[in-house]
């Protein structure tokens, strides 16, 4: 005995299948767009992190450079004083003696 299916039922099933098939490209493109946007946002986040790390390296380098410049000034003064003290010329020794006496008179 053959059973017949109502045409309204077959039409409803057909329309549901067509709806699913019609929505497939839109769903796949929306998934693709979400994946691309997430990848792009992660790239931007990584770029910011790399820039911040680079800034920290630059700040550290600047701090070390300034510290080195300050220590070079002291070393240069010490070196010049040492060279002057090692000089055996009477003019240099007379100048040093006059500076020492001026400092001694100023502190008294």
Protein backbone atom coordinates (compact mmCIF):
# COMPACT_ATOMS: atom_id res chain seq x y z
CA UNK A 1 0.00 0.00 0.00
CA UNK A 2 1.52 3.24 -1.11
CA UNK A 3 1.30 6.18 1.18
CA UNK A 4 1.14 9.60 -0.32
CA UNK A 5 2.72 12.62 1.28
CA UNK A 6 0.92 15.88 1.29
CA UNK A 7 2.26 18.42 -1.17
CA UNK A 8 2.31 21.01 1.60
CA UNK A 9 4.76 18.87 3.57
CA UNK A 10 7.07 18.35 0.58
CA UNK A 11 6.95 22.07 -0.20
CA UNK A 12 7.87 22.95 3.39
CA UNK A 13 10.79 20.52 3.39
CA UNK A 14 11.96 21.77 0.00
CA UNK A 15 11.78 25.38 1.14
CA UNK A 16 13.75 24.58 4.30
CA UNK A 17 16.46 22.85 2.25
CA UNK A 18 16.62 25.74 -0.20
CA UNK A 19 16.87 28.18 2.72
CA UNK A 20 19.80 26.25 4.19
CA UNK A 21 21.54 26.13 0.81
CA UNK A 22 20.91 29.84 0.24
CA UNK A 23 22.35 30.79 3.62
CA UNK A 24 25.54 28.69 3.24
CA UNK A 25 27.61 31.25 1.28
CA UNK A 26 26.66 34.02 3.70
CA UNK A 27 27.56 31.89 6.71
CA UNK A 28 30.90 30.80 5.24
CA UNK A 29 31.80 34.39 4.33
CA UNK A 30 30.87 35.62 7.79
CA UNK A 31 33.11 32.94 9.33
CA UNK A 32 35.91 33.96 6.97
CA UNK A 33 35.49 37.66 7.87
CA UNK A 34 35.55 36.88 11.58
CA UNK A 35 38.72 34.79 11.19
CA UNK A 36 40.45 37.50 9.16
CA UNK A 37 39.47 40.24 11.60
CA UNK A 38 40.68 38.19 14.57
CA UNK A 39 44.00 37.52 12.83
CA UNK A 40 44.38 41.21 11.98
CA UNK A 41 43.64 42.30 15.53
CA UNK A 42 46.21 39.83 16.89
CA UNK A 43 48.76 41.22 14.43
CA UNK A 44 48.05 44.76 15.63
CA UNK A 45 48.36 43.65 19.25
CA UNK A 46 51.70 41.97 18.55
CA UNK A 47 52.94 45.10 16.79
CA UNK A 48 52.05 47.20 19.83
CA UNK A 49 53.81 44.76 22.16
CA UNK A 50 56.94 44.77 20.01
CA UNK A 51 56.92 48.58 19.91
CA UNK A 52 56.56 48.78 23.69
CA UNK A 53 59.45 46.36 24.17
CA UNK A 54 61.51 48.40 21.74
CA UNK A 55 60.71 51.55 23.73
CA UNK A 56 61.93 49.87 26.92
CA UNK A 57 65.19 48.91 25.19
CA UNK A 58 65.63 52.49 23.94
CA UNK A 59 64.98 53.93 27.39
CA UNK A 60 67.47 51.53 28.97
CA UNK A 61 70.07 52.38 26.35
CA UNK A 62 69.54 56.11 26.90
CA UNK A 63 69.88 55.72 30.65
CA UNK A 64 73.10 53.75 30.25
CA UNK A 65 74.45 56.34 27.80
CA UNK A 66 73.72 59.26 30.14
CA UNK A 67 75.30 57.38 33.02
CA UNK A 68 78.37 56.74 30.88
CA UNK A 69 78.57 60.41 29.92
CA UNK A 70 78.48 61.46 33.56
CA UNK A 71 81.21 58.97 34.47
CA UNK A 72 83.37 60.05 31.51
CA UNK A 73 83.27 63.67 32.75
CA UNK A 74 84.69 62.62 36.10
CA UNK A 75 87.23 60.33 34.45
CA UNK A 76 88.31 63.08 32.05
CA UNK A 77 88.81 65.53 34.90
CA UNK A 78 90.81 62.97 36.85
CA UNK A 79 92.90 62.13 33.80
CA UNK A 80 93.64 65.79 33.07
CA UNK A 81 94.56 66.40 36.71
CA UNK A 82 96.80 63.33 36.71
CA UNK A 83 98.55 64.44 33.53
CA UNK A 84 99.07 67.90 34.98
CA UNK A 85 100.47 66.50 38.21
CA UNK A 86 102.83 64.23 36.31
CA UNK A 87 104.11 67.16 34.25
CA UNK A 88 107.48 68.36 35.43
CA UNK A 89 107.24 71.82 33.93
CA UNK A 90 107.58 74.65 36.43
CA UNK A 91 104.61 76.54 34.95
CA UNK A 92 102.19 73.65 35.54
CA UNK A 93 103.41 73.11 39.07
CA UNK A 94 103.17 76.85 39.83
CA UNK A 95 99.59 76.91 38.53
CA UNK A 96 98.65 73.93 40.68
CA UNK A 97 100.24 75.54 43.72
CA UNK A 98 98.33 78.78 43.17
CA UNK A 99 95.03 76.89 42.80
CA UNK A 100 95.69 74.95 46.00
CA UNK A 101 96.53 78.13 47.90
CA UNK A 102 93.40 79.86 46.56
CA UNK A 103 91.26 76.95 47.69
CA UNK A 104 92.97 76.92 51.07
CA UNK A 105 92.38 80.65 51.57
CA UNK A 106 88.74 80.29 50.45
CA UNK A 107 88.01 77.52 52.97
CA UNK A 108 89.68 79.35 55.88
